[in-house]
């Protein structure tokens, strides 16, 4: 299995060392038709919850929006509640690599379960970020 990657997407995500050179969410909004965004959001929502906190987290693009503070995985990618929120609210562009994965995987069950949580949490710590280019 390849090393899982972390969906970071845009420079508004400050925890990435590539954030200063990455694209902004501002120029990547409404990039998906509503029906596609709904399908992508549904897939992201089905991910295995690796860790979740009680307190919500502010959306880095619009801090007035409080978002579920959670990390999901499908065994190939990691994403958090902010990415899910951005797809749902802004229909943001997703990396082509992820969209190819989504197209191939959308009709199948997520291939990870509770027995994979410890392994995936360990992999999350060193996961390479995947940005929109």
N, C-alpha and C. Protein backbone atom coordinates (compact mmCIF):
# COMPACT_ATOMS: atom_id res chain seq x y z
N UNK A 1 0.83 -1.18 0.00
CA UNK A 1 0.00 0.00 0.00
C UNK A 1 0.88 1.25 0.00
N UNK A 2 0.49 2.23 -0.83
CA UNK A 2 1.21 3.49 -0.85
C UNK A 2 1.03 4.23 0.47
N UNK A 3 1.96 5.12 0.72
CA UNK A 3 1.87 5.95 1.91
C UNK A 3 0.68 6.92 1.76
N UNK A 4 -0.26 6.93 2.71
CA UNK A 4 -1.41 7.84 2.59
C UNK A 4 -0.97 9.30 2.56
N UNK A 5 -1.77 10.13 1.88
CA UNK A 5 -1.48 11.56 1.76
C UNK A 5 -2.57 12.36 2.46
N UNK A 6 -2.19 13.54 2.88
CA UNK A 6 -3.08 14.43 3.62
C UNK A 6 -3.62 15.51 2.69
N UNK A 7 -4.94 15.59 2.56
CA UNK A 7 -5.54 16.65 1.75
C UNK A 7 -5.46 17.96 2.52
N UNK A 8 -4.66 18.88 2.01
CA UNK A 8 -4.51 20.20 2.62
C UNK A 8 -5.17 21.24 1.71
N UNK A 9 -4.93 21.13 0.42
CA UNK A 9 -5.56 21.89 -0.65
C UNK A 9 -5.06 23.31 -0.83
N UNK A 10 -5.27 24.21 0.13
CA UNK A 10 -5.05 25.63 -0.11
C UNK A 10 -4.20 26.29 0.97
N UNK A 11 -3.64 27.46 0.62
CA UNK A 11 -2.72 28.14 1.54
C UNK A 11 -3.39 28.60 2.83
N UNK A 12 -4.69 28.69 2.85
CA UNK A 12 -5.38 29.08 4.07
C UNK A 12 -5.16 28.06 5.20
N UNK A 13 -4.72 26.87 4.86
CA UNK A 13 -4.38 25.85 5.85
C UNK A 13 -2.96 26.12 6.33
N UNK A 14 -2.81 26.82 7.41
CA UNK A 14 -1.52 27.34 7.85
C UNK A 14 -0.53 26.30 8.36
N UNK A 15 -0.96 25.07 8.62
CA UNK A 15 -0.04 24.12 9.22
C UNK A 15 0.86 23.44 8.21
N UNK A 16 0.80 23.81 6.97
CA UNK A 16 1.64 23.17 5.96
C UNK A 16 2.79 24.07 5.55
N UNK A 17 3.96 23.49 5.43
CA UNK A 17 5.13 24.25 5.00
C UNK A 17 5.00 24.71 3.54
N UNK A 18 4.10 24.11 2.77
CA UNK A 18 3.90 24.53 1.38
C UNK A 18 2.79 25.57 1.27
N UNK A 19 2.17 25.93 2.38
CA UNK A 19 1.05 26.87 2.34
C UNK A 19 1.39 28.21 1.67
N UNK A 20 2.55 28.83 1.94
CA UNK A 20 2.81 30.14 1.33
C UNK A 20 2.85 30.13 -0.20
N UNK A 21 3.18 29.01 -0.82
CA UNK A 21 3.27 28.96 -2.28
C UNK A 21 2.05 28.31 -2.92
N UNK A 22 1.12 27.87 -2.11
CA UNK A 22 -0.06 27.18 -2.62
C UNK A 22 -1.11 28.18 -3.10
N UNK A 23 -2.06 27.68 -3.89
CA UNK A 23 -3.17 28.51 -4.35
C UNK A 23 -4.07 28.87 -3.18
N UNK A 24 -4.86 29.92 -3.38
CA UNK A 24 -5.85 30.32 -2.39
C UNK A 24 -7.20 29.68 -2.70
N UNK A 25 -7.96 29.44 -1.66
CA UNK A 25 -9.32 28.94 -1.84
C UNK A 25 -10.16 29.92 -2.66
N UNK A 26 -9.85 31.22 -2.56
CA UNK A 26 -10.65 32.26 -3.22
C UNK A 26 -10.81 32.02 -4.72
N UNK A 27 -9.77 31.52 -5.37
CA UNK A 27 -9.82 31.32 -6.82
C UNK A 27 -10.23 29.90 -7.19
N UNK A 28 -10.63 29.12 -6.21
CA UNK A 28 -11.00 27.72 -6.45
C UNK A 28 -12.39 27.37 -5.95
N UNK A 29 -13.20 28.39 -5.68
CA UNK A 29 -14.57 28.17 -5.23
C UNK A 29 -15.49 27.92 -6.43
N UNK A 30 -16.56 27.21 -6.18
CA UNK A 30 -17.56 26.89 -7.22
C UNK A 30 -16.92 26.21 -8.42
N UNK A 31 -15.92 25.40 -8.16
CA UNK A 31 -15.23 24.67 -9.23
C UNK A 31 -15.94 23.37 -9.59
N UNK A 32 -16.84 22.92 -8.72
CA UNK A 32 -17.57 21.67 -8.96
C UNK A 32 -19.05 21.97 -9.12
N UNK A 33 -19.71 21.29 -10.04
CA UNK A 33 -21.17 21.39 -10.07
C UNK A 33 -21.73 20.89 -8.72
N UNK A 34 -22.88 21.41 -8.35
CA UNK A 34 -23.48 21.06 -7.05
C UNK A 34 -23.65 19.55 -6.88
N UNK A 35 -24.05 18.86 -7.95
CA UNK A 35 -24.26 17.41 -7.83
C UNK A 35 -22.95 16.67 -7.57
N UNK A 36 -21.87 17.10 -8.21
CA UNK A 36 -20.57 16.47 -7.98
C UNK A 36 -20.09 16.78 -6.56
N UNK A 37 -20.22 18.03 -6.13
CA UNK A 37 -19.81 18.41 -4.77
C UNK A 37 -20.58 17.59 -3.74
N UNK A 38 -21.85 17.36 -3.99
CA UNK A 38 -22.66 16.54 -3.08
C UNK A 38 -22.12 15.12 -3.00
N UNK A 39 -21.74 14.55 -4.15
CA UNK A 39 -21.18 13.20 -4.17
C UNK A 39 -19.83 13.12 -3.48
N UNK A 40 -18.97 14.12 -3.73
CA UNK A 40 -17.65 14.14 -3.07
C UNK A 40 -17.83 14.31 -1.56
N UNK A 41 -18.72 15.20 -1.15
CA UNK A 41 -18.97 15.40 0.28
C UNK A 41 -19.51 14.12 0.93
N UNK A 42 -20.37 13.42 0.23
CA UNK A 42 -20.90 12.16 0.77
C UNK A 42 -19.78 11.15 0.95
N UNK A 43 -18.87 11.07 -0.03
CA UNK A 43 -17.73 10.16 0.09
C UNK A 43 -16.86 10.56 1.28
N UNK A 44 -16.53 11.84 1.38
CA UNK A 44 -15.70 12.31 2.48
C UNK A 44 -16.36 12.03 3.83
N UNK A 45 -17.67 12.18 3.91
CA UNK A 45 -18.40 11.93 5.16
C UNK A 45 -18.37 10.46 5.57
N UNK A 46 -18.20 9.57 4.60
CA UNK A 46 -18.17 8.13 4.89
C UNK A 46 -16.81 7.66 5.40
N UNK A 47 -15.81 8.53 5.40
CA UNK A 47 -14.48 8.12 5.83
C UNK A 47 -14.46 7.61 7.26
N UNK A 48 -13.46 6.81 7.55
CA UNK A 48 -13.25 6.30 8.90
C UNK A 48 -12.79 7.45 9.80
N UNK A 49 -13.47 7.69 10.90
CA UNK A 49 -13.07 8.72 11.86
C UNK A 49 -11.86 8.20 12.62
N UNK A 50 -10.74 8.93 12.48
CA UNK A 50 -9.51 8.54 13.19
C UNK A 50 -9.43 9.21 14.55
N UNK A 51 -9.83 10.46 14.59
CA UNK A 51 -9.81 11.21 15.85
C UNK A 51 -10.83 12.34 15.72
N UNK A 52 -11.50 12.62 16.82
CA UNK A 52 -12.48 13.71 16.82
C UNK A 52 -12.44 14.40 18.17
N UNK A 53 -12.56 15.72 18.14
CA UNK A 53 -12.56 16.52 19.35
C UNK A 53 -13.96 17.07 19.59
N UNK A 54 -14.28 17.32 20.84
CA UNK A 54 -15.61 17.81 21.20
C UNK A 54 -15.83 19.23 20.67
N UNK A 55 -14.82 20.08 20.82
CA UNK A 55 -14.95 21.47 20.41
C UNK A 55 -14.82 21.61 18.90
N UNK A 56 -15.69 22.39 18.27
CA UNK A 56 -15.52 22.64 16.84
C UNK A 56 -14.31 23.53 16.60
N UNK A 57 -13.88 23.62 15.36
CA UNK A 57 -12.75 24.45 14.99
C UNK A 57 -13.22 25.50 13.98
N UNK A 58 -12.64 26.71 14.02
CA UNK A 58 -13.06 27.71 13.05
C UNK A 58 -12.54 27.39 11.65
N UNK A 59 -13.34 27.69 10.66
CA UNK A 59 -12.92 27.58 9.26
C UNK A 59 -11.84 28.63 9.04
N UNK A 60 -10.63 28.24 8.57
CA UNK A 60 -9.57 29.23 8.39
C UNK A 60 -9.90 30.29 7.33
N UNK A 61 -10.79 29.98 6.41
CA UNK A 61 -11.19 30.96 5.39
C UNK A 61 -12.27 31.90 5.93
N UNK A 62 -13.20 31.38 6.68
CA UNK A 62 -14.29 32.17 7.25
C UNK A 62 -14.45 31.77 8.72
N UNK A 63 -13.67 32.40 9.62
CA UNK A 63 -13.65 31.99 11.02
C UNK A 63 -15.01 32.03 11.74
N UNK A 64 -15.99 32.71 11.16
CA UNK A 64 -17.32 32.71 11.78
C UNK A 64 -17.98 31.34 11.68
N UNK A 65 -17.55 30.53 10.71
CA UNK A 65 -18.08 29.17 10.56
C UNK A 65 -17.31 28.22 11.48
N UNK A 66 -18.01 27.57 12.36
CA UNK A 66 -17.39 26.55 13.22
C UNK A 66 -17.65 25.19 12.59
N UNK A 67 -16.59 24.40 12.49
CA UNK A 67 -16.60 23.16 11.73
C UNK A 67 -16.28 21.99 12.66
N UNK A 68 -16.84 20.85 12.35
CA UNK A 68 -16.55 19.62 13.09
C UNK A 68 -15.04 19.38 13.10
N UNK A 69 -14.48 19.19 14.28
CA UNK A 69 -13.04 19.02 14.46
C UNK A 69 -12.71 17.53 14.44
N UNK A 70 -12.46 17.00 13.25
CA UNK A 70 -12.35 15.56 13.04
C UNK A 70 -11.34 15.28 11.93
N UNK A 71 -10.70 14.13 11.99
CA UNK A 71 -9.84 13.65 10.91
C UNK A 71 -10.40 12.32 10.42
N UNK A 72 -10.58 12.23 9.10
CA UNK A 72 -11.10 11.03 8.44
C UNK A 72 -10.00 10.41 7.58
N UNK A 73 -10.22 9.16 7.17
CA UNK A 73 -9.35 8.51 6.19
C UNK A 73 -10.13 7.43 5.45
N UNK A 74 -9.66 7.17 4.23
CA UNK A 74 -10.16 6.01 3.48
C UNK A 74 -9.03 5.01 3.26
N UNK A 75 -7.91 5.23 3.96
CA UNK A 75 -6.75 4.36 3.82
C UNK A 75 -5.76 4.86 2.78
N UNK A 76 -6.19 5.76 1.91
CA UNK A 76 -5.33 6.32 0.87
C UNK A 76 -5.09 7.80 1.13
N UNK A 77 -6.10 8.49 1.63
CA UNK A 77 -6.02 9.92 1.94
C UNK A 77 -6.51 10.17 3.35
N UNK A 78 -6.04 11.30 3.90
CA UNK A 78 -6.55 11.84 5.16
C UNK A 78 -7.18 13.18 4.84
N UNK A 79 -8.25 13.54 5.52
CA UNK A 79 -8.85 14.86 5.39
C UNK A 79 -9.54 15.19 6.70
N UNK A 80 -9.82 16.45 6.88
CA UNK A 80 -10.47 16.85 8.12
C UNK A 80 -11.83 17.49 7.85
N UNK A 81 -12.47 17.93 8.91
CA UNK A 81 -13.79 18.53 8.78
C UNK A 81 -13.78 19.81 7.97
N UNK A 82 -12.65 20.51 7.94
CA UNK A 82 -12.57 21.74 7.16
C UNK A 82 -12.65 21.42 5.67
N UNK A 83 -11.94 20.41 5.22
CA UNK A 83 -12.00 20.02 3.80
C UNK A 83 -13.43 19.64 3.43
N UNK A 84 -14.06 18.84 4.26
CA UNK A 84 -15.45 18.46 4.02
C UNK A 84 -16.35 19.70 3.95
N UNK A 85 -16.17 20.62 4.88
CA UNK A 85 -16.94 21.87 4.91
C UNK A 85 -16.72 22.67 3.62
N UNK A 86 -15.47 22.79 3.18
CA UNK A 86 -15.18 23.56 1.96
C UNK A 86 -15.84 22.94 0.73
N UNK A 87 -15.87 21.62 0.67
CA UNK A 87 -16.54 20.96 -0.47
C UNK A 87 -18.04 21.23 -0.39
N UNK A 88 -18.62 21.09 0.80
CA UNK A 88 -20.06 21.30 0.96
C UNK A 88 -20.47 22.75 0.71
N UNK A 89 -19.76 23.69 1.30
CA UNK A 89 -20.17 25.10 1.24
C UNK A 89 -19.68 25.82 0.00
N UNK A 90 -18.42 25.58 -0.39
CA UNK A 90 -17.81 26.36 -1.46
C UNK A 90 -17.61 25.59 -2.76
N UNK A 91 -17.84 24.27 -2.73
CA UNK A 91 -17.64 23.42 -3.92
C UNK A 91 -16.23 23.64 -4.50
N UNK A 92 -15.25 23.57 -3.61
CA UNK A 92 -13.86 23.85 -3.99
C UNK A 92 -13.29 22.80 -4.93
N UNK A 93 -12.33 23.23 -5.71
CA UNK A 93 -11.59 22.32 -6.59
C UNK A 93 -10.80 21.36 -5.72
N UNK A 94 -10.84 20.10 -6.10
CA UNK A 94 -10.06 19.07 -5.43
C UNK A 94 -8.92 18.66 -6.36
N UNK A 95 -7.81 18.16 -5.82
CA UNK A 95 -6.70 17.73 -6.68
C UNK A 95 -7.14 16.64 -7.65
N UNK A 96 -6.61 16.69 -8.88
CA UNK A 96 -6.95 15.69 -9.89
C UNK A 96 -6.67 14.27 -9.40
N UNK A 97 -5.56 14.12 -8.68
CA UNK A 97 -5.19 12.81 -8.14
C UNK A 97 -6.30 12.26 -7.23
N UNK A 98 -6.83 13.12 -6.37
CA UNK A 98 -7.91 12.68 -5.49
C UNK A 98 -9.18 12.40 -6.28
N UNK A 99 -9.49 13.24 -7.26
CA UNK A 99 -10.73 13.05 -8.03
C UNK A 99 -10.69 11.74 -8.81
N UNK A 100 -9.53 11.36 -9.32
CA UNK A 100 -9.41 10.06 -10.00
C UNK A 100 -9.66 8.93 -9.00
N UNK A 101 -9.12 9.08 -7.81
CA UNK A 101 -9.36 8.09 -6.74
C UNK A 101 -10.84 8.05 -6.38
N UNK A 102 -11.46 9.21 -6.23
CA UNK A 102 -12.89 9.29 -5.91
C UNK A 102 -13.72 8.59 -6.99
N UNK A 103 -13.43 8.87 -8.25
CA UNK A 103 -14.20 8.25 -9.34
C UNK A 103 -14.12 6.73 -9.29
N UNK A 104 -12.94 6.21 -8.95
CA UNK A 104 -12.75 4.76 -8.88
C UNK A 104 -13.37 4.15 -7.62
N UNK A 105 -13.43 4.93 -6.55
CA UNK A 105 -13.81 4.37 -5.24
C UNK A 105 -15.21 4.74 -4.77
N UNK A 106 -15.87 5.68 -5.41
CA UNK A 106 -17.12 6.23 -4.86
C UNK A 106 -18.24 5.22 -4.65
N UNK A 107 -18.27 4.17 -5.45
CA UNK A 107 -19.37 3.21 -5.30
C UNK A 107 -19.00 2.01 -4.43
N UNK A 108 -17.76 2.01 -3.93
CA UNK A 108 -17.32 0.91 -3.07
C UNK A 108 -17.30 1.36 -1.61
N UNK A 109 -17.41 0.42 -0.69
CA UNK A 109 -17.28 0.78 0.72
C UNK A 109 -15.86 1.26 1.02
N UNK A 110 -15.73 2.12 2.02
CA UNK A 110 -14.41 2.55 2.47
C UNK A 110 -13.69 1.30 2.97
N UNK A 111 -12.46 1.03 2.46
CA UNK A 111 -11.80 -0.25 2.75
C UNK A 111 -11.03 -0.30 4.07
N UNK A 112 -11.36 0.57 5.01
CA UNK A 112 -10.71 0.54 6.32
C UNK A 112 -11.78 0.51 7.40
N UNK A 113 -11.39 0.02 8.57
CA UNK A 113 -12.34 -0.04 9.69
C UNK A 113 -11.61 0.25 10.99
N UNK A 114 -12.29 0.08 12.09
CA UNK A 114 -11.73 0.41 13.41
C UNK A 114 -10.39 -0.28 13.68
N UNK A 115 -10.17 -1.44 13.10
CA UNK A 115 -8.90 -2.15 13.33
C UNK A 115 -7.72 -1.43 12.68
N UNK A 116 -7.98 -0.48 11.78
CA UNK A 116 -6.92 0.25 11.08
C UNK A 116 -6.57 1.59 11.74
N UNK A 117 -7.31 2.00 12.76
CA UNK A 117 -7.14 3.34 13.32
C UNK A 117 -5.72 3.59 13.82
N UNK A 118 -5.15 2.70 14.61
CA UNK A 118 -3.80 2.92 15.16
C UNK A 118 -2.77 3.06 14.05
N UNK A 119 -2.83 2.20 13.04
CA UNK A 119 -1.89 2.26 11.91
C UNK A 119 -2.04 3.57 11.15
N UNK A 120 -3.27 3.98 10.90
CA UNK A 120 -3.51 5.20 10.14
C UNK A 120 -3.13 6.45 10.93
N UNK A 121 -3.38 6.46 12.23
CA UNK A 121 -2.95 7.60 13.05
C UNK A 121 -1.43 7.75 13.02
N UNK A 122 -0.72 6.64 13.07
CA UNK A 122 0.75 6.69 12.98
C UNK A 122 1.18 7.22 11.62
N UNK A 123 0.52 6.80 10.56
CA UNK A 123 0.85 7.27 9.21
C UNK A 123 0.49 8.73 9.02
N UNK A 124 -0.56 9.20 9.67
CA UNK A 124 -1.00 10.59 9.55
C UNK A 124 0.09 11.57 9.97
N UNK A 125 0.85 11.20 10.98
CA UNK A 125 1.89 12.09 11.51
C UNK A 125 2.92 12.46 10.46
N UNK A 126 3.17 11.58 9.50
CA UNK A 126 4.20 11.82 8.48
C UNK A 126 3.64 11.92 7.07
N UNK A 127 2.34 12.05 6.95
CA UNK A 127 1.72 12.07 5.62
C UNK A 127 2.11 13.33 4.85
N UNK A 128 2.45 13.14 3.59
CA UNK A 128 2.77 14.26 2.71
C UNK A 128 1.50 15.03 2.38
N UNK A 129 1.58 16.38 2.35
CA UNK A 129 0.39 17.15 2.01
C UNK A 129 0.11 17.09 0.51
N UNK A 130 -1.15 17.11 0.14
CA UNK A 130 -1.57 17.18 -1.25
C UNK A 130 -2.32 18.48 -1.43
N UNK A 131 -1.81 19.32 -2.31
CA UNK A 131 -2.38 20.64 -2.55
C UNK A 131 -3.04 20.66 -3.93
N UNK A 132 -3.89 21.65 -4.15
CA UNK A 132 -4.44 21.89 -5.49
C UNK A 132 -3.38 22.66 -6.26
N UNK A 133 -3.10 22.20 -7.48
CA UNK A 133 -2.09 22.89 -8.31
C UNK A 133 -2.71 23.42 -9.58
